[in-house]
Amino acid sequence: MAASVAGKSSGRYCYREVLPFAIMVIVECANVGNSTLFKAASDAGASYMVFVVYSFAISVLSLLPLAFLFHRKTRLPPLSSALMGRICLLVVIGLTGQTLGYKGIQYSSPTMASSMSNLTPAFTFALAIAFRMEKLALRSLPSLAKIIGTVVSISGALVVVLYEGPAVVRGSSHPKTLNYSLGSDEQSDWVIGGVLLVIDYILISIWYIVQAQTARLYPAEFFIVFLYNLGVTLLSAPVYYFMEPDLNAWRINSQIVIISLLYAGVVSTAFGIVVHTWSLRVKGPVYVASFRPLSIAIAAVMGVLFLGDTLFLGSVIGAILIAIGFYVVLWGKVQEDMYEDLGTGSIESPDPEDVPLLR
């Protein structure tokens, strides 16, 4: 009997703590790979608007059989007008944020975009408190741990982006740093880009909140993401065609573009959003948003291992801070889950038997 209880407790811990952490790290690694491939496709002449439409269309085709396969035995509530309204809202928020984000990068730089993305955990934390999806008790140690961990993790990511320092491991290439010596016109574009990126990451935070509520209202991740990706495809196709009417831009003539589209559609846009949706339902929006700074550390490590980039002291210090921040945030979430098991804690993590990922 004791062994059975211990086994069930171990299974609950793996499901609620180990599995979400592991798959979120995998998704962040996959997203870094997607950014690298998108850069290669962009250098080959692919328009980001064409890339978005085609990658979401590929994700729809890949999710169509999976949505029925994984949810064929699940008793799902009927599609309601409230659910469809939430999905439409997600489509508009997602596409608007993506458009503003790409335009912000055009006005500024990918480096600024990476730096500004670290605002997402803070925005999400504030919105989650406003929507009562997170409990904030300043005298509660788990709440303080989540606040401190989020700040430390964001600070570490900013260190990676803004501070280079001496070389620790020298590679065959030297990454570019932020350029602050800008002229008046360039400075104006830099400010415009920064404003667009801030709006983009606010919209991402709102998307996390709405998607978390949608996933709890309709517990079928593959089906929800299928409807979302289908909506983005149907909305982005006419909008982006209006913005990019040149038919030559919509022709795919490069092998690297095809590889990038397949990777983005299947791995990032399909698998990545499904994992995010499931994690949002199991762990909540703040937990998912706290992984955003991790992508910078992953990109630095992958650059050293696969691209021959030089590893600088700033990257090492930032990675350490990110790791510490993660540990503190995760510790706070584990403590909240323990309080919930006692009937006094967080509302974010429902019983794992109610939130199957692959049922």
Protein backbone atom coordinates (compact mmCIF):
# COMPACT_ATOMS: atom_id res chain seq x y z
CA MET A 1 0.00 0.00 0.00
CA ALA A 2 2.78 2.41 0.95
CA ALA A 3 4.63 1.55 -2.26
CA SER A 4 1.50 2.27 -4.30
CA VAL A 5 1.05 5.66 -2.66
CA ALA A 6 4.73 6.49 -3.13
CA GLY A 7 4.55 5.47 -6.79
CA LYS A 8 1.47 7.62 -7.38
CA SER A 9 3.12 10.57 -5.63
CA SER A 10 6.24 10.14 -7.76
CA GLY A 11 4.12 9.99 -10.90
CA ARG A 12 2.27 13.16 -9.95
CA TYR A 13 5.57 14.96 -9.33
CA CYS A 14 7.01 13.86 -12.70
CA TYR A 15 3.81 14.91 -14.49
CA ARG A 16 3.42 18.26 -12.79
CA GLU A 17 7.06 19.33 -12.45
CA VAL A 18 9.54 17.29 -14.50
CA LEU A 19 7.54 16.88 -17.73
CA PRO A 20 6.53 20.57 -18.11
CA PHE A 21 10.09 21.70 -17.43
CA ALA A 22 11.64 19.20 -19.87
CA ILE A 23 9.28 19.90 -22.78
CA MET A 24 9.46 23.68 -22.30
CA VAL A 25 13.28 23.52 -22.51
CA ILE A 26 12.94 21.40 -25.67
CA VAL A 27 10.55 23.95 -27.18
CA GLU A 28 12.89 26.85 -26.40
CA CYS A 29 15.74 24.95 -28.09
CA ALA A 30 13.46 24.29 -31.07
CA ASN A 31 12.51 27.97 -31.27
CA VAL A 32 16.17 29.00 -31.33
CA GLY A 33 16.68 26.56 -34.20
CA ASN A 34 13.65 28.03 -35.94
CA SER A 35 15.06 31.56 -35.64
CA THR A 36 18.34 30.38 -37.14
CA LEU A 37 16.60 28.70 -40.07
CA PHE A 38 14.34 31.72 -40.61
CA LYS A 39 17.43 33.93 -40.79
CA ALA A 40 18.87 31.60 -43.43
CA ALA A 41 15.57 31.65 -45.37
CA SER A 42 15.43 35.44 -45.11
CA ASP A 43 18.97 35.71 -46.46
CA ALA A 44 17.83 33.51 -49.35
CA GLY A 45 15.15 36.07 -50.22
CA ALA A 46 12.09 34.77 -48.35
CA SER A 47 9.63 37.42 -47.16
CA TYR A 48 8.57 37.09 -43.53
CA MET A 49 4.93 37.52 -44.59
CA VAL A 50 5.18 34.61 -47.02
CA PHE A 51 7.04 32.63 -44.37
CA VAL A 52 4.25 33.13 -41.82
CA VAL A 53 1.43 32.15 -44.19
CA TYR A 54 3.16 29.02 -45.50
CA SER A 55 4.46 27.85 -42.12
CA PHE A 56 1.03 28.14 -40.49
CA ALA A 57 -0.57 26.35 -43.46
CA ILE A 58 1.92 23.49 -43.04
CA SER A 59 1.16 23.35 -39.32
CA VAL A 60 -2.57 23.07 -40.05
CA LEU A 61 -1.95 20.09 -42.33
CA SER A 62 0.25 18.40 -39.74
CA LEU A 63 -2.19 19.00 -36.86
CA LEU A 64 -5.34 17.87 -38.70
CA PRO A 65 -4.76 14.11 -38.24
CA LEU A 66 -3.21 14.56 -34.78
CA ALA A 67 -6.22 16.48 -33.47
CA PHE A 68 -8.49 13.53 -34.19
CA LEU A 69 -5.92 10.88 -33.20
CA PHE A 70 -5.13 12.21 -29.73
CA HIS A 71 -8.66 13.33 -28.82
CA ARG A 72 -10.73 10.55 -30.37
CA LYS A 73 -11.42 8.95 -26.96
CA THR A 74 -11.71 12.21 -25.03
CA ARG A 75 -15.15 13.47 -24.09
CA LEU A 76 -15.02 17.08 -25.17
CA PRO A 77 -17.65 19.74 -24.56
CA PRO A 78 -19.42 21.10 -27.66
CA LEU A 79 -17.93 24.09 -29.44
CA SER A 80 -19.59 27.18 -28.04
CA SER A 81 -19.76 30.74 -29.27
CA ALA A 82 -17.66 31.79 -26.26
CA LEU A 83 -14.90 29.34 -27.22
CA MET A 84 -14.90 30.40 -30.87
CA GLY A 85 -14.82 34.02 -29.76
CA ARG A 86 -11.73 33.34 -27.64
CA ILE A 87 -10.02 31.58 -30.54
CA CYS A 88 -10.81 34.49 -32.87
CA LEU A 89 -9.37 36.86 -30.26
CA LEU A 90 -6.24 34.70 -30.06
CA VAL A 91 -5.89 34.79 -33.86
CA VAL A 92 -6.11 38.58 -33.99
CA ILE A 93 -3.73 39.04 -31.04
CA GLY A 94 -1.25 36.50 -32.39
CA LEU A 95 -1.13 37.83 -35.94
CA THR A 96 -1.03 41.48 -34.82
CA GLY A 97 1.79 40.79 -32.41
CA GLN A 98 3.76 38.84 -35.00
CA THR A 99 3.41 41.64 -37.56
CA LEU A 100 4.46 44.33 -35.07
CA GLY A 101 7.36 42.17 -33.92
CA TYR A 102 8.77 41.71 -37.41
CA LYS A 103 8.34 45.42 -38.20
CA GLY A 104 10.04 46.27 -34.91
CA ILE A 105 13.01 44.11 -35.88
CA GLN A 106 13.17 45.85 -39.26
CA TYR A 107 13.30 49.25 -37.56
CA SER A 108 15.79 48.17 -34.88
CA SER A 109 17.63 44.84 -34.77
CA PRO A 110 17.23 41.19 -33.72
CA THR A 111 19.48 41.94 -30.74
CA MET A 112 17.07 44.56 -29.44
CA ALA A 113 14.19 42.14 -30.03
CA SER A 114 15.93 39.50 -27.92
CA SER A 115 16.56 42.03 -25.18
CA MET A 116 13.00 43.37 -25.20
CA SER A 117 11.54 39.84 -25.12
CA ASN A 118 12.63 39.63 -21.49
CA LEU A 119 9.79 42.01 -20.64
CA THR A 120 7.32 39.17 -21.34
CA PRO A 121 7.62 37.45 -17.91
CA ALA A 122 7.04 40.76 -16.11
CA PHE A 123 4.06 41.69 -18.29
CA THR A 124 2.59 38.19 -17.95
CA PHE A 125 3.05 38.15 -14.18
CA ALA A 126 1.24 41.49 -13.83
CA LEU A 127 -1.62 40.40 -16.13
CA ALA A 128 -1.95 37.03 -14.37
CA ILE A 129 -2.37 38.82 -11.06
CA ALA A 130 -4.92 41.19 -12.61
CA PHE A 131 -6.91 38.24 -14.01
CA ARG A 132 -6.55 36.36 -10.70
CA MET A 133 -4.64 33.52 -12.34
CA GLU A 134 -1.75 34.10 -9.94
CA LYS A 135 -1.93 34.68 -6.21
CA LEU A 136 0.27 37.47 -4.91
CA ALA A 137 0.92 37.52 -1.19
CA LEU A 138 3.97 39.55 -0.31
CA ARG A 139 4.24 37.73 3.01
CA SER A 140 4.13 34.37 1.24
CA LEU A 141 7.51 32.81 0.52
CA PRO A 142 6.40 31.13 -2.77
CA SER A 143 5.06 34.45 -4.11
CA LEU A 144 8.27 36.24 -3.16
CA ALA A 145 10.27 33.45 -4.78
CA LYS A 146 8.38 33.86 -8.07
CA ILE A 147 8.86 37.63 -8.05
CA ILE A 148 12.56 37.47 -7.18
CA GLY A 149 13.21 34.59 -9.58
CA THR A 150 11.51 36.41 -12.45
CA VAL A 151 13.56 39.56 -11.84
CA VAL A 152 16.83 37.61 -11.56
CA SER A 153 16.11 35.63 -14.73
CA ILE A 154 15.27 38.78 -16.71
CA SER A 155 18.40 40.47 -15.36
CA GLY A 156 20.52 37.52 -16.49
CA ALA A 157 19.10 37.67 -19.99
CA LEU A 158 19.80 41.42 -20.15
CA VAL A 159 23.39 40.77 -19.06
CA VAL A 160 23.80 38.29 -21.94
CA VAL A 161 22.53 40.88 -24.44
CA LEU A 162 24.04 44.11 -23.10
CA TYR A 163 27.36 43.04 -21.56
CA GLU A 164 30.06 41.27 -23.53
CA GLY A 165 33.14 41.22 -21.33
CA PRO A 166 36.38 39.36 -22.07
CA ALA A 167 36.40 36.16 -24.12
CA VAL A 168 36.23 32.91 -22.16
CA VAL A 169 36.29 30.51 -25.13
CA ARG A 170 37.45 31.90 -28.45
CA GLY A 171 35.72 30.75 -31.61
CA SER A 172 36.10 31.36 -35.31
CA SER A 173 33.58 34.20 -35.45
CA HIS A 174 32.82 37.34 -33.44
CA PRO A 175 29.17 38.26 -32.77
CA LYS A 176 28.02 41.80 -33.21
CA THR A 177 26.97 43.82 -30.21
CA LEU A 178 24.45 46.60 -29.89
CA ASN A 179 25.36 49.76 -31.76
CA TYR A 180 24.63 52.85 -29.73
CA SER A 181 26.38 55.38 -31.99
CA LEU A 182 23.31 56.14 -34.08
CA GLY A 183 22.53 59.19 -36.14
CA SER A 184 19.31 61.16 -35.77
CA ASP A 185 17.33 59.22 -38.41
CA GLU A 186 18.64 55.87 -37.20
CA GLN A 187 17.89 56.87 -33.62
CA SER A 188 14.30 57.68 -34.60
CA ASP A 189 13.91 54.29 -36.28
CA TRP A 190 15.46 52.64 -33.20
CA VAL A 191 12.84 54.28 -30.97
CA ILE A 192 9.99 53.31 -33.31
CA GLY A 193 11.27 49.74 -33.38
CA GLY A 194 11.48 49.67 -29.59
CA VAL A 195 7.89 50.88 -29.22
CA LEU A 196 6.62 48.27 -31.69
CA LEU A 197 8.50 45.53 -29.86
CA VAL A 198 7.09 46.61 -26.49
CA ILE A 199 3.56 46.41 -27.92
CA ASP A 200 4.39 43.00 -29.42
CA TYR A 201 5.51 41.54 -26.08
CA ILE A 202 2.50 43.01 -24.28
CA LEU A 203 0.32 41.23 -26.84
CA ILE A 204 2.27 37.99 -26.28
CA SER A 205 1.56 38.26 -22.57
CA ILE A 206 -2.14 38.82 -23.26
CA TRP A 207 -2.06 35.83 -25.63
CA TYR A 208 -0.66 33.65 -22.83
CA ILE A 209 -3.47 34.72 -20.49
CA VAL A 210 -6.28 34.18 -23.02
CA GLN A 211 -4.81 30.87 -24.22
CA ALA A 212 -4.50 29.58 -20.64
CA GLN A 213 -8.17 30.38 -20.00
CA THR A 214 -9.18 28.83 -23.34
CA ALA A 215 -7.27 25.61 -22.66
CA ARG A 216 -9.01 25.21 -19.31
CA LEU A 217 -12.39 25.91 -20.90
CA TYR A 218 -11.76 23.33 -23.65
CA PRO A 219 -9.14 20.72 -22.60
CA ALA A 220 -8.03 19.55 -26.05
CA GLU A 221 -4.66 21.10 -26.90
CA PHE A 222 -4.27 19.68 -30.40
CA PHE A 223 -7.76 20.73 -31.45
CA ILE A 224 -7.44 24.23 -29.98
CA VAL A 225 -4.09 24.81 -31.67
CA PHE A 226 -5.45 23.40 -34.94
CA LEU A 227 -8.31 25.93 -34.87
CA TYR A 228 -5.92 28.73 -33.90
CA ASN A 229 -3.40 27.95 -36.64
CA LEU A 230 -6.21 27.57 -39.18
CA GLY A 231 -7.55 30.99 -38.16
CA VAL A 232 -4.11 32.59 -38.47
CA THR A 233 -3.66 31.04 -41.91
CA LEU A 234 -7.05 32.24 -43.18
CA LEU A 235 -6.53 35.75 -41.77
CA SER A 236 -2.87 36.21 -42.66
CA ALA A 237 -3.20 35.05 -46.29
CA PRO A 238 -5.34 37.98 -47.54
CA VAL A 239 -3.76 40.53 -45.18
CA TYR A 240 -0.19 39.66 -46.12
CA TYR A 241 -1.06 39.30 -49.82
CA PHE A 242 -2.38 42.87 -49.68
CA MET A 243 0.91 43.94 -48.07
CA GLU A 244 3.03 41.80 -50.46
CA PRO A 245 1.19 41.70 -53.84
CA ASP A 246 4.25 40.64 -55.85
CA LEU A 247 3.57 37.04 -56.94
CA ASN A 248 7.30 36.36 -57.33
CA ALA A 249 7.69 36.78 -53.57
CA TRP A 250 5.25 33.91 -53.01
CA ARG A 251 7.23 31.45 -55.13
CA ILE A 252 9.58 29.12 -53.26
CA ASN A 253 12.74 28.50 -55.28
CA SER A 254 15.27 27.69 -52.60
CA GLN A 255 15.93 24.41 -50.80
CA ILE A 256 16.84 26.16 -47.54
CA VAL A 257 13.51 28.02 -47.62
CA ILE A 258 11.62 24.73 -48.03
CA ILE A 259 13.55 23.16 -45.13
CA SER A 260 12.93 26.24 -42.98
CA LEU A 261 9.20 26.23 -43.75
CA LEU A 262 8.82 22.53 -42.95
CA TYR A 263 10.73 22.94 -39.69
CA ALA A 264 8.77 26.05 -38.71
CA GLY A 265 5.41 24.53 -39.60
CA VAL A 266 5.84 21.13 -37.97
CA VAL A 267 8.25 21.74 -35.09
CA SER A 268 7.79 25.36 -34.02
CA THR A 269 4.29 26.39 -35.09
CA ALA A 270 2.58 23.04 -34.48
CA PHE A 271 4.50 21.19 -31.76
CA GLY A 272 5.70 24.36 -30.01
CA ILE A 273 2.26 25.96 -29.68
CA VAL A 274 0.71 22.66 -28.56
CA VAL A 275 3.31 22.36 -25.79
CA HIS A 276 2.78 25.99 -24.79
CA THR A 277 -0.99 25.46 -24.65
CA TRP A 278 -0.68 22.32 -22.53
CA SER A 279 1.86 23.96 -20.20
CA LEU A 280 -0.37 27.03 -19.87
CA ARG A 281 -3.20 24.80 -18.67
CA VAL A 282 -1.09 22.65 -16.35
CA LYS A 283 1.31 25.26 -14.91
CA GLY A 284 -0.16 28.66 -15.81
CA PRO A 285 0.98 31.64 -17.93
CA VAL A 286 3.70 32.90 -15.56
CA TYR A 287 5.49 29.55 -15.64
CA VAL A 288 5.49 29.50 -19.46
CA ALA A 289 6.57 33.13 -19.78
CA SER A 290 9.48 32.59 -17.38
CA PHE A 291 11.16 30.43 -20.05
CA ARG A 292 11.51 33.34 -22.47
CA PRO A 293 14.92 34.52 -21.15
CA LEU A 294 16.21 30.94 -21.46
CA SER A 295 16.24 31.23 -25.25
CA ILE A 296 19.06 33.78 -25.09
CA ALA A 297 21.27 31.46 -23.05
CA ILE A 298 20.41 28.56 -25.37
CA ALA A 299 21.27 30.65 -28.42
CA ALA A 300 24.63 31.58 -26.89
CA VAL A 301 25.48 27.95 -26.12
CA MET A 302 24.36 26.72 -29.55
CA GLY A 303 26.36 29.49 -31.20
CA VAL A 304 29.53 28.33 -29.44
CA LEU A 305 28.95 24.63 -30.12
CA PHE A 306 27.68 24.72 -33.71
CA LEU A 307 28.62 28.11 -35.20
CA GLY A 308 32.05 28.66 -33.71
CA ASP A 309 31.02 31.83 -31.87
CA THR A 310 33.18 33.21 -29.11
CA LEU A 311 31.91 32.66 -25.56
CA PHE A 312 32.17 35.88 -23.55
CA LEU A 313 32.11 36.45 -19.82
CA GLY A 314 28.79 38.29 -20.08
CA SER A 315 27.14 35.19 -21.53
CA VAL A 316 28.51 33.03 -18.69
CA ILE A 317 27.37 35.45 -15.97
CA GLY A 318 23.97 35.88 -17.62
CA ALA A 319 23.47 32.13 -17.97
CA ILE A 320 24.27 31.64 -14.28
CA LEU A 321 21.75 34.34 -13.31
CA ILE A 322 19.12 32.81 -15.60
CA ALA A 323 19.70 29.40 -14.01
CA ILE A 324 19.39 30.85 -10.51
CA GLY A 325 16.22 32.72 -11.45
CA PHE A 326 14.72 29.58 -12.94
CA TYR A 327 15.50 27.57 -9.84
CA VAL A 328 13.87 30.16 -7.59
CA VAL A 329 10.74 30.46 -9.77
CA LEU A 330 10.37 26.69 -10.03
CA TRP A 331 10.87 26.32 -6.29
CA GLY A 332 8.06 28.80 -5.71
CA LYS A 333 5.78 26.89 -8.10
CA VAL A 334 6.57 23.57 -6.39
CA GLN A 335 5.74 25.09 -3.00
CA GLU A 336 2.42 26.38 -4.35
CA ASP A 337 1.62 22.92 -5.69
CA MET A 338 2.35 21.45 -2.27
CA TYR A 339 -0.01 23.98 -0.67
CA GLU A 340 -2.63 23.09 -3.28
CA ASP A 341 -2.33 19.40 -2.40
CA LEU A 342 -3.07 20.43 1.18
CA GLY A 343 -6.09 22.41 -0.02
CA THR A 344 -4.68 25.87 0.72
CA GLY A 345 -2.66 26.93 -2.28
CA SER A 346 -2.39 27.88 -5.91
CA ILE A 347 -5.25 27.73 -8.38
CA GLU A 348 -2.88 27.23 -11.29
CA SER A 349 -2.16 23.49 -11.27
CA PRO A 350 -5.21 21.24 -11.51
CA ASP A 351 -5.10 17.53 -10.77
CA PRO A 352 -2.99 15.79 -13.43
CA GLU A 353 -5.75 13.25 -14.01
CA ASP A 354 -7.87 16.13 -15.32
CA VAL A 355 -5.24 17.45 -17.74
CA PRO A 356 -3.95 14.60 -19.90
CA LEU A 357 -1.54 15.64 -22.64
CA LEU A 358 -1.85 12.51 -24.77
CA ARG A 359 -5.16 10.97 -23.79
